[in-house]
Protein backbone atom coordinates (compact mmCIF):
# COMPACT_ATOMS: atom_id res chain seq x y z
CA UNK A 1 -26.60 -3.99 6.97
CA UNK A 2 -23.57 -5.20 8.83
CA UNK A 3 -20.64 -2.47 8.82
CA UNK A 4 -17.50 -4.32 7.37
CA UNK A 5 -15.03 -1.82 8.62
CA UNK A 6 -15.18 1.68 10.66
CA UNK A 7 -14.09 4.99 10.33
CA UNK A 8 -10.81 4.85 11.56
CA UNK A 9 -10.04 2.57 9.08
CA UNK A 10 -12.31 4.50 5.73
CA UNK A 11 -9.91 7.58 7.01
CA UNK A 12 -6.57 5.34 7.31
CA UNK A 13 -7.62 3.97 3.74
CA UNK A 14 -8.28 7.42 1.96
CA UNK A 15 -4.75 8.28 3.86
CA UNK A 16 -3.17 5.96 1.62
CA UNK A 17 -5.53 6.87 -0.74
CA UNK A 18 -4.86 10.45 -1.47
CA UNK A 19 -1.29 10.37 -0.18
CA UNK A 20 -0.91 7.44 -3.39
CA UNK A 21 -1.59 9.32 -5.89
CA UNK A 22 -1.11 12.84 -5.18
CA UNK A 23 2.33 11.45 -4.47
CA UNK A 24 2.11 9.66 -8.42
CA UNK A 25 1.03 12.52 -10.39
CA UNK A 26 3.63 14.64 -8.78
CA UNK A 27 6.16 11.46 -8.93
CA UNK A 28 5.53 11.16 -12.49
CA UNK A 29 5.80 15.18 -13.44
CA UNK A 30 9.28 15.24 -12.03
CA UNK A 31 10.05 11.78 -13.98
CA UNK A 32 8.90 12.48 -17.30
CA UNK A 33 10.52 15.39 -19.44
CA UNK A 34 7.01 15.11 -21.64
CA UNK A 35 5.19 16.76 -17.96
CA UNK A 36 7.74 18.33 -16.30
CA UNK A 37 7.86 20.44 -19.66
CA UNK A 38 3.80 20.93 -19.27
CA UNK A 39 3.99 22.27 -16.14
CA UNK A 40 6.99 23.64 -16.60
CA UNK A 41 7.94 24.70 -12.57
CA UNK A 42 10.30 21.81 -11.03
CA UNK A 43 10.83 23.93 -8.23
CA UNK A 44 7.98 23.83 -6.70
CA UNK A 45 6.06 20.16 -8.08
CA UNK A 46 9.11 19.40 -5.79
CA UNK A 47 8.46 21.05 -2.77
CA UNK A 48 4.70 19.78 -3.49
CA UNK A 49 5.64 15.91 -3.76
CA UNK A 50 7.85 16.26 -0.53
CA UNK A 51 5.18 18.41 1.48
CA UNK A 52 2.63 15.49 -0.01
CA UNK A 53 5.37 12.94 1.41
CA UNK A 54 5.19 15.01 4.94
CA UNK A 55 1.68 15.15 5.14
CA UNK A 56 0.67 11.42 4.32
CA UNK A 57 3.19 10.42 6.64
CA UNK A 58 1.46 12.35 9.59
CA UNK A 59 -2.58 10.81 8.34
CA UNK A 60 -1.87 7.97 9.15
CA UNK A 61 0.66 8.84 12.40
CA UNK A 62 -2.79 11.33 13.55
CA UNK A 63 -5.46 8.25 12.03
CA UNK A 64 -3.57 5.24 14.87
CA UNK A 65 -3.18 8.06 17.30
CA UNK A 66 -7.01 9.26 16.99
CA UNK A 67 -8.92 6.67 16.09
CA UNK A 68 -9.44 3.15 17.54
CA UNK A 69 -6.44 1.13 17.47
CA UNK A 70 -8.20 -1.50 19.51
CA UNK A 71 -10.23 -2.27 15.81
CA UNK A 72 -6.52 -1.02 13.53
CA UNK A 73 -5.55 -3.99 16.14
CA UNK A 74 -7.38 -6.52 15.53
CA UNK A 75 -7.31 -5.62 11.34
CA UNK A 76 -3.07 -6.29 12.02
CA UNK A 77 -3.53 -9.79 13.41
CA UNK A 78 -6.61 -10.51 10.66
CA UNK A 79 -3.83 -9.45 7.90
CA UNK A 80 -1.04 -11.70 9.88
CA UNK A 81 -2.72 -14.82 9.52
CA UNK A 82 -3.78 -13.90 5.90
CA UNK A 83 -0.44 -13.76 5.84
CA UNK A 84 0.60 -16.51 7.09
CA UNK A 85 -2.30 -18.76 5.86
CA UNK A 86 -0.55 -17.35 2.13
CA UNK A 87 2.76 -18.44 2.98
CA UNK A 88 2.05 -21.83 3.78
CA UNK A 89 -0.27 -22.49 0.95
CA UNK A 90 2.20 -20.91 -1.08
CA UNK A 91 5.24 -23.12 -0.60
CA UNK A 92 2.14 -25.66 -0.42
CA UNK A 93 1.82 -24.74 -4.23
CA UNK A 94 5.54 -24.31 -5.51
CA UNK A 95 6.35 -28.04 -3.83
CA UNK A 96 3.87 -29.75 -5.76
CA UNK A 97 4.99 -27.22 -8.54
CA UNK A 98 8.74 -29.14 -8.05
CA UNK A 99 6.98 -32.83 -8.25
CA UNK A 100 5.74 -32.06 -11.02
CA UNK A 101 8.81 -31.08 -13.07
CA UNK A 102 10.34 -33.77 -11.38
CA UNK A 103 8.20 -36.19 -11.85
CA UNK A 104 8.36 -34.49 -15.62
CA UNK A 105 11.85 -35.21 -15.79
CA UNK A 106 12.98 -38.07 -13.83
CA UNK A 107 13.57 -40.67 -16.63
């Protein structure tokens, strides 16, 4: 079996996922009055929301500091390369779409 992601990448993924969903749940309770009435402890939920954000940030720093930084750097370079490729591709698509519209509108 070929392992695509190492322990560090998986840990970073799950830190992001759990942090996101924790802040989503507490944020929805704070934002939506119907949910806020169900919980009826707004101050507790607000503190949980802030604690989740702080724990999320600390967990990211710990994963980066204690994990395989070489592999994370390689992933970062791969993402940047894909981002540059996407930018070139999207520029070409926009240019083609513009040319198509001009061709259709030209008398």
